[in-house]
């Protein structure tokens, strides 16, 4: 299902309700949920970053190099995985994702407005700006019905990545011909995951990675809302009225400069004309 032509936050939320009503009709037990992923270009496929380069088989290379180079900074890393057991592997992998190293993880959020914030992010490339942004919706329960992680639980269970049953199919040493990703909960080992209500689809260790939206049964668990590209500014302004900005996606000190500049622009706009000489932005903040 795809809904197009969305221009406002109100229209977006109505579309969320429409899609949710499809997967969880009134009167049924609340066994369902939706995950959201905003993309700045509706043509982007749902594939992990590692698939756009060397492929999943290169994970061991990225992982070993990251662990080696990250050790000097462990005092500055939140929730560092000190142990070196199986769970540590997942801790390292999710930390790599956090710092932008290619992995076989794909980020989602449990919050619809977080997905929308990512979609209308003003920091876009020229190509992205020429295309409509979109928010993908995932029904993780329906996706995971392809995997029977436990005999005593109904199909559709969403495991934590560190559970043995999940490692059997998706761990680094798993032997499988499966190409479908599974929905999983990762370790809450950094502020971004917590703030973004982060969840993940984890792709198997195979030579061939298939984007989630290109699988033959994708219409059973994927939906999409396409936003009009001209509405990016309007939607961002509306979200700001509700107290939501890009800062909410990255609660880190590195965002301080952007927040300062935004506040100073707002202060400049409030100066009464002729009341005093207006300082320019460049005169207030001198880059290092």
Protein backbone atom coordinates (compact mmCIF):
# COMPACT_ATOMS: atom_id res chain seq x y z
CA UNK A 1 0.00 0.00 0.00
CA UNK A 2 1.28 3.46 -0.90
CA UNK A 3 -0.30 6.80 -0.01
CA UNK A 4 0.90 9.81 -2.01
CA UNK A 5 0.40 13.56 -2.07
CA UNK A 6 0.90 14.20 1.65
CA UNK A 7 1.66 17.87 2.34
CA UNK A 8 1.01 18.41 6.07
CA UNK A 9 1.61 16.72 9.41
CA UNK A 10 -2.14 16.32 9.81
CA UNK A 11 -2.44 14.43 6.51
CA UNK A 12 0.52 12.28 7.50
CA UNK A 13 -1.00 11.30 10.84
CA UNK A 14 -4.30 10.47 9.15
CA UNK A 15 -2.40 8.17 6.82
CA UNK A 16 -0.69 6.53 9.82
CA UNK A 17 -4.11 5.83 11.32
CA UNK A 18 -5.36 4.46 8.00
CA UNK A 19 -2.48 2.02 7.71
CA UNK A 20 -2.66 0.99 11.35
CA UNK A 21 -6.38 0.22 10.94
CA UNK A 22 -5.42 -2.22 8.17
CA UNK A 23 -3.03 -4.24 10.29
CA UNK A 24 -5.01 -4.08 13.52
CA UNK A 25 -8.77 -3.80 12.93
CA UNK A 26 -10.94 -2.65 15.86
CA UNK A 27 -11.84 -5.39 18.29
CA UNK A 28 -8.73 -7.49 17.74
CA UNK A 29 -6.12 -8.00 20.45
CA UNK A 30 -3.33 -5.43 20.32
CA UNK A 31 -0.68 -7.79 18.96
CA UNK A 32 0.43 -5.38 16.27
CA UNK A 33 2.73 -2.42 15.92
CA UNK A 34 4.29 -0.29 13.22
CA UNK A 35 7.90 0.78 12.79
CA UNK A 36 8.85 3.86 10.76
CA UNK A 37 11.80 4.79 8.57
CA UNK A 38 12.02 8.18 6.89
CA UNK A 39 13.98 8.50 3.65
CA UNK A 40 14.87 11.73 1.86
CA UNK A 41 14.32 10.14 -1.55
CA UNK A 42 11.34 7.85 -2.14
CA UNK A 43 13.41 5.84 -4.63
CA UNK A 44 15.83 4.58 -1.96
CA UNK A 45 15.62 0.86 -1.28
CA UNK A 46 15.49 -0.65 2.19
CA UNK A 47 18.97 -2.12 2.27
CA UNK A 48 21.79 -1.80 4.82
CA UNK A 49 24.81 0.40 4.19
CA UNK A 50 27.19 -2.55 3.93
CA UNK A 51 25.22 -3.87 0.93
CA UNK A 52 26.04 -0.70 -1.02
CA UNK A 53 29.75 -1.44 -0.81
CA UNK A 54 31.75 -4.61 -0.20
CA UNK A 55 28.76 -6.66 0.95
CA UNK A 56 27.91 -8.45 4.17
CA UNK A 57 30.89 -10.81 3.87
CA UNK A 58 33.10 -7.77 4.66
CA UNK A 59 31.54 -7.37 8.11
CA UNK A 60 34.45 -9.13 9.81
CA UNK A 61 36.85 -6.60 8.26
CA UNK A 62 34.85 -3.57 9.37
CA UNK A 63 34.31 -5.05 12.82
CA UNK A 64 37.95 -5.91 13.49
CA UNK A 65 39.18 -2.51 12.31
CA UNK A 66 36.55 -0.65 14.30
CA UNK A 67 37.31 -2.52 17.50
CA UNK A 68 41.03 -1.90 17.09
CA UNK A 69 40.68 1.83 16.39
CA UNK A 70 37.89 2.47 18.92
CA UNK A 71 39.72 1.15 21.99
CA UNK A 72 41.65 4.41 22.68
CA UNK A 73 38.32 6.23 22.95
CA UNK A 74 36.37 3.82 25.11
CA UNK A 75 36.25 6.33 27.95
CA UNK A 76 34.23 8.65 25.71
CA UNK A 77 31.89 5.98 24.35
CA UNK A 78 28.54 5.57 26.13
CA UNK A 79 27.61 2.09 27.34
CA UNK A 80 30.78 0.48 26.01
CA UNK A 81 30.56 -3.34 25.71
CA UNK A 82 33.44 -4.37 27.96
CA UNK A 83 32.83 -8.12 27.84
CA UNK A 84 34.09 -10.20 24.94
CA UNK A 85 31.36 -12.82 24.72
CA UNK A 86 28.63 -13.33 22.13
CA UNK A 87 26.64 -10.37 23.44
CA UNK A 88 29.71 -8.19 22.97
CA UNK A 89 29.60 -8.91 19.24
CA UNK A 90 26.15 -7.32 19.01
CA UNK A 91 27.24 -4.44 21.23
CA UNK A 92 30.08 -3.67 18.86
CA UNK A 93 27.87 -4.04 15.78
CA UNK A 94 25.24 -1.63 17.05
CA UNK A 95 27.94 0.80 18.13
CA UNK A 96 29.39 0.67 14.61
CA UNK A 97 25.97 1.54 13.26
CA UNK A 98 25.79 4.49 15.64
CA UNK A 99 29.10 5.92 14.43
CA UNK A 100 28.41 5.45 10.72
CA UNK A 101 30.48 2.35 9.93
CA UNK A 102 28.75 0.14 7.30
CA UNK A 103 26.77 -2.69 8.91
CA UNK A 104 23.98 -5.13 8.03
CA UNK A 105 21.58 -3.24 10.28
CA UNK A 106 18.82 -0.91 9.09
CA UNK A 107 17.39 1.67 11.50
CA UNK A 108 13.68 2.06 12.26
CA UNK A 109 11.75 3.91 14.94
CA UNK A 110 8.69 3.06 16.96
CA UNK A 111 7.57 6.70 16.69
CA UNK A 112 5.78 7.97 13.59
CA UNK A 113 6.96 11.58 13.96
CA UNK A 114 10.60 10.48 14.26
CA UNK A 115 10.24 8.81 10.87
CA UNK A 116 8.74 12.02 9.49
CA UNK A 117 11.61 14.12 10.88
CA UNK A 118 14.14 11.96 9.06
CA UNK A 119 12.18 12.19 5.81
CA UNK A 120 12.03 16.00 5.72
CA UNK A 121 15.56 16.60 7.00
CA UNK A 122 16.63 19.85 5.28
CA UNK A 123 20.20 18.56 4.97
CA UNK A 124 19.71 16.93 1.58
CA UNK A 125 21.78 16.44 -1.54
CA UNK A 126 20.74 18.07 -4.80
CA UNK A 127 19.45 14.74 -6.10
CA UNK A 128 17.45 14.09 -2.92
CA UNK A 129 15.89 17.54 -3.04
CA UNK A 130 14.63 16.88 -6.57
CA UNK A 131 12.65 13.83 -5.41
CA UNK A 132 9.79 13.33 -3.00
CA UNK A 133 10.72 12.16 0.51
CA UNK A 134 8.85 9.25 2.04
CA UNK A 135 8.25 7.31 5.23
CA UNK A 136 8.31 3.53 5.08
CA UNK A 137 6.07 1.63 7.50
CA UNK A 138 7.02 -1.86 8.63
CA UNK A 139 4.75 -4.38 10.31
CA UNK A 140 7.53 -6.21 12.22
CA UNK A 141 5.21 -8.90 13.55
CA UNK A 142 4.12 -9.89 10.04
CA UNK A 143 7.72 -9.81 8.81
CA UNK A 144 8.89 -12.12 11.59
CA UNK A 145 6.21 -14.69 10.90
CA UNK A 146 8.76 -16.08 8.45
CA UNK A 147 10.89 -17.15 11.44
CA UNK A 148 9.89 -19.55 14.22
CA UNK A 149 12.34 -18.46 16.89
CA UNK A 150 10.65 -20.45 19.69
CA UNK A 151 8.18 -23.34 19.63
CA UNK A 152 6.35 -21.97 22.66
CA UNK A 153 5.68 -18.56 21.08
CA UNK A 154 3.44 -17.69 18.15
CA UNK A 155 5.15 -16.75 14.86
CA UNK A 156 5.85 -13.05 14.69
CA UNK A 157 7.83 -12.74 17.90
CA UNK A 158 10.32 -9.85 17.86
CA UNK A 159 13.49 -10.96 19.71
CA UNK A 160 16.36 -9.08 21.20
CA UNK A 161 19.43 -9.46 19.01
CA UNK A 162 21.36 -11.23 21.77
CA UNK A 163 18.89 -14.10 22.20
CA UNK A 164 20.37 -17.52 21.30
CA UNK A 165 17.45 -18.31 18.98
CA UNK A 166 18.16 -15.15 17.01
CA UNK A 167 21.89 -15.87 16.85
CA UNK A 168 21.19 -19.27 15.34
CA UNK A 169 19.75 -17.58 12.27
CA UNK A 170 21.39 -14.14 12.23
CA UNK A 171 24.58 -14.39 14.27
CA UNK A 172 27.99 -13.92 12.60
CA UNK A 173 28.50 -17.69 12.31
CA UNK A 174 24.98 -18.60 11.17
CA UNK A 175 24.74 -20.96 8.19
CA UNK A 176 21.67 -20.08 6.14
CA UNK A 177 20.36 -19.63 2.62
CA UNK A 178 17.82 -17.11 3.88
CA UNK A 179 18.02 -13.62 2.34
CA UNK A 180 15.17 -12.02 4.31
CA UNK A 181 15.91 -9.60 7.15
CA UNK A 182 14.24 -9.98 10.54
CA UNK A 183 12.95 -7.36 12.96
CA UNK A 184 14.91 -7.21 16.22
CA UNK A 185 15.53 -5.06 19.26
CA UNK A 186 19.11 -3.94 19.76
CA UNK A 187 21.01 -3.07 22.93
CA UNK A 188 20.20 0.42 24.18
CA UNK A 189 23.88 1.31 24.17
CA UNK A 190 23.80 4.90 22.96
CA UNK A 191 21.65 8.03 23.40
CA UNK A 192 20.53 8.06 19.76
CA UNK A 193 18.84 4.67 19.94
CA UNK A 194 17.06 5.71 23.13
CA UNK A 195 15.98 9.15 21.86
CA UNK A 196 14.89 7.84 18.46
CA UNK A 197 13.00 4.87 19.95
CA UNK A 198 15.29 2.86 17.72
CA UNK A 199 14.60 -0.62 16.42
CA UNK A 200 16.24 -2.54 13.60
CA UNK A 201 15.95 -4.98 10.78
CA UNK A 202 18.97 -7.29 10.73
CA UNK A 203 20.06 -8.80 7.44
CA UNK A 204 21.55 -12.32 7.37
CA UNK A 205 25.19 -13.05 6.65
CA UNK A 206 24.88 -14.09 3.02
CA UNK A 207 26.69 -13.28 -0.19
CA UNK A 208 23.51 -11.82 -1.69
CA UNK A 209 21.65 -9.08 0.18
CA UNK A 210 18.11 -8.34 -0.99
CA UNK A 211 16.46 -5.03 -0.09
CA UNK A 212 13.40 -5.58 2.08
CA UNK A 213 11.10 -3.76 -0.35
CA UNK A 214 12.26 -5.94 -3.26
CA UNK A 215 11.26 -9.26 -1.67
CA UNK A 216 8.28 -10.96 -3.37
CA UNK A 217 6.08 -10.81 -0.25
CA UNK A 218 6.98 -7.22 0.72
CA UNK A 219 3.38 -6.04 0.32
CA UNK A 220 2.42 -8.13 3.36
CA UNK A 221 4.49 -6.09 5.81
CA UNK A 222 5.58 -2.86 4.08
CA UNK A 223 3.64 0.35 3.45
CA UNK A 224 4.76 3.77 2.30
CA UNK A 225 3.65 7.37 2.61
CA UNK A 226 5.11 9.67 -0.03
CA UNK A 227 5.41 13.34 0.88
CA UNK A 228 5.44 16.08 -1.74
CA UNK A 229 8.93 17.55 -2.04
CA UNK A 230 7.57 21.10 -2.02
CA UNK A 231 6.10 20.44 1.44
CA UNK A 232 9.46 19.82 3.18
CA UNK A 233 9.64 23.37 4.60
CA UNK A 234 5.98 23.46 5.63
CA UNK A 235 6.17 20.12 7.43
CA UNK A 236 9.39 21.12 9.22
CA UNK A 237 7.75 24.34 10.39
CA UNK A 238 4.73 22.44 11.67
CA UNK A 239 6.93 19.96 13.51
CA UNK A 240 8.81 22.85 15.10
CA UNK A 241 5.50 24.21 16.38
CA UNK A 242 5.02 20.89 18.14
CA UNK A 243 8.47 21.11 19.69
CA UNK A 244 10.15 18.62 17.34
CA UNK A 245 13.36 19.48 15.47
CA UNK A 246 16.35 17.66 14.02
CA UNK A 247 18.02 18.09 17.41
CA UNK A 248 15.60 15.50 18.76
CA UNK A 249 17.19 12.91 16.48
CA UNK A 250 20.76 13.44 17.68
CA UNK A 251 20.89 14.40 21.40
CA UNK A 252 24.62 15.03 21.44
CA UNK A 253 26.95 17.94 22.06
CA UNK A 254 27.92 17.91 18.37
CA UNK A 255 24.47 19.39 17.66
CA UNK A 256 25.12 22.40 19.89
CA UNK A 257 26.50 24.60 17.07
CA UNK A 258 23.43 24.04 14.91
CA UNK A 259 21.11 24.83 17.84
CA UNK A 260 23.03 28.03 18.65
CA UNK A 261 22.82 29.26 15.08
CA UNK A 262 19.10 28.51 14.91
CA UNK A 263 18.46 30.44 18.14
CA UNK A 264 20.52 33.44 17.00
CA UNK A 265 18.65 33.59 13.70
CA UNK A 266 15.43 33.70 15.70
CA UNK A 267 16.83 36.47 17.91
CA UNK A 268 17.90 38.51 14.88
CA UNK A 269 14.38 38.26 13.50
CA UNK A 270 13.00 39.71 16.75
CA UNK A 271 15.13 42.91 16.72
CA UNK A 272 12.97 46.00 16.17
CA UNK A 273 14.08 47.73 12.94
CA UNK A 274 16.10 50.86 13.71
CA UNK A 275 16.31 50.13 17.44
CA UNK A 276 19.97 49.18 17.33
CA UNK A 277 22.58 47.97 14.92
CA UNK A 278 21.95 44.37 14.08
CA UNK A 279 24.86 41.97 14.48
CA UNK A 280 25.26 39.56 11.62
CA UNK A 281 25.40 35.87 12.30
CA UNK A 282 28.98 35.66 11.10
CA UNK A 283 30.05 38.38 13.56
CA UNK A 284 28.49 36.53 16.49
CA UNK A 285 29.98 33.11 15.80
CA UNK A 286 33.47 32.80 14.47
CA UNK A 287 34.27 29.31 13.16
CA UNK A 288 37.49 27.75 14.37
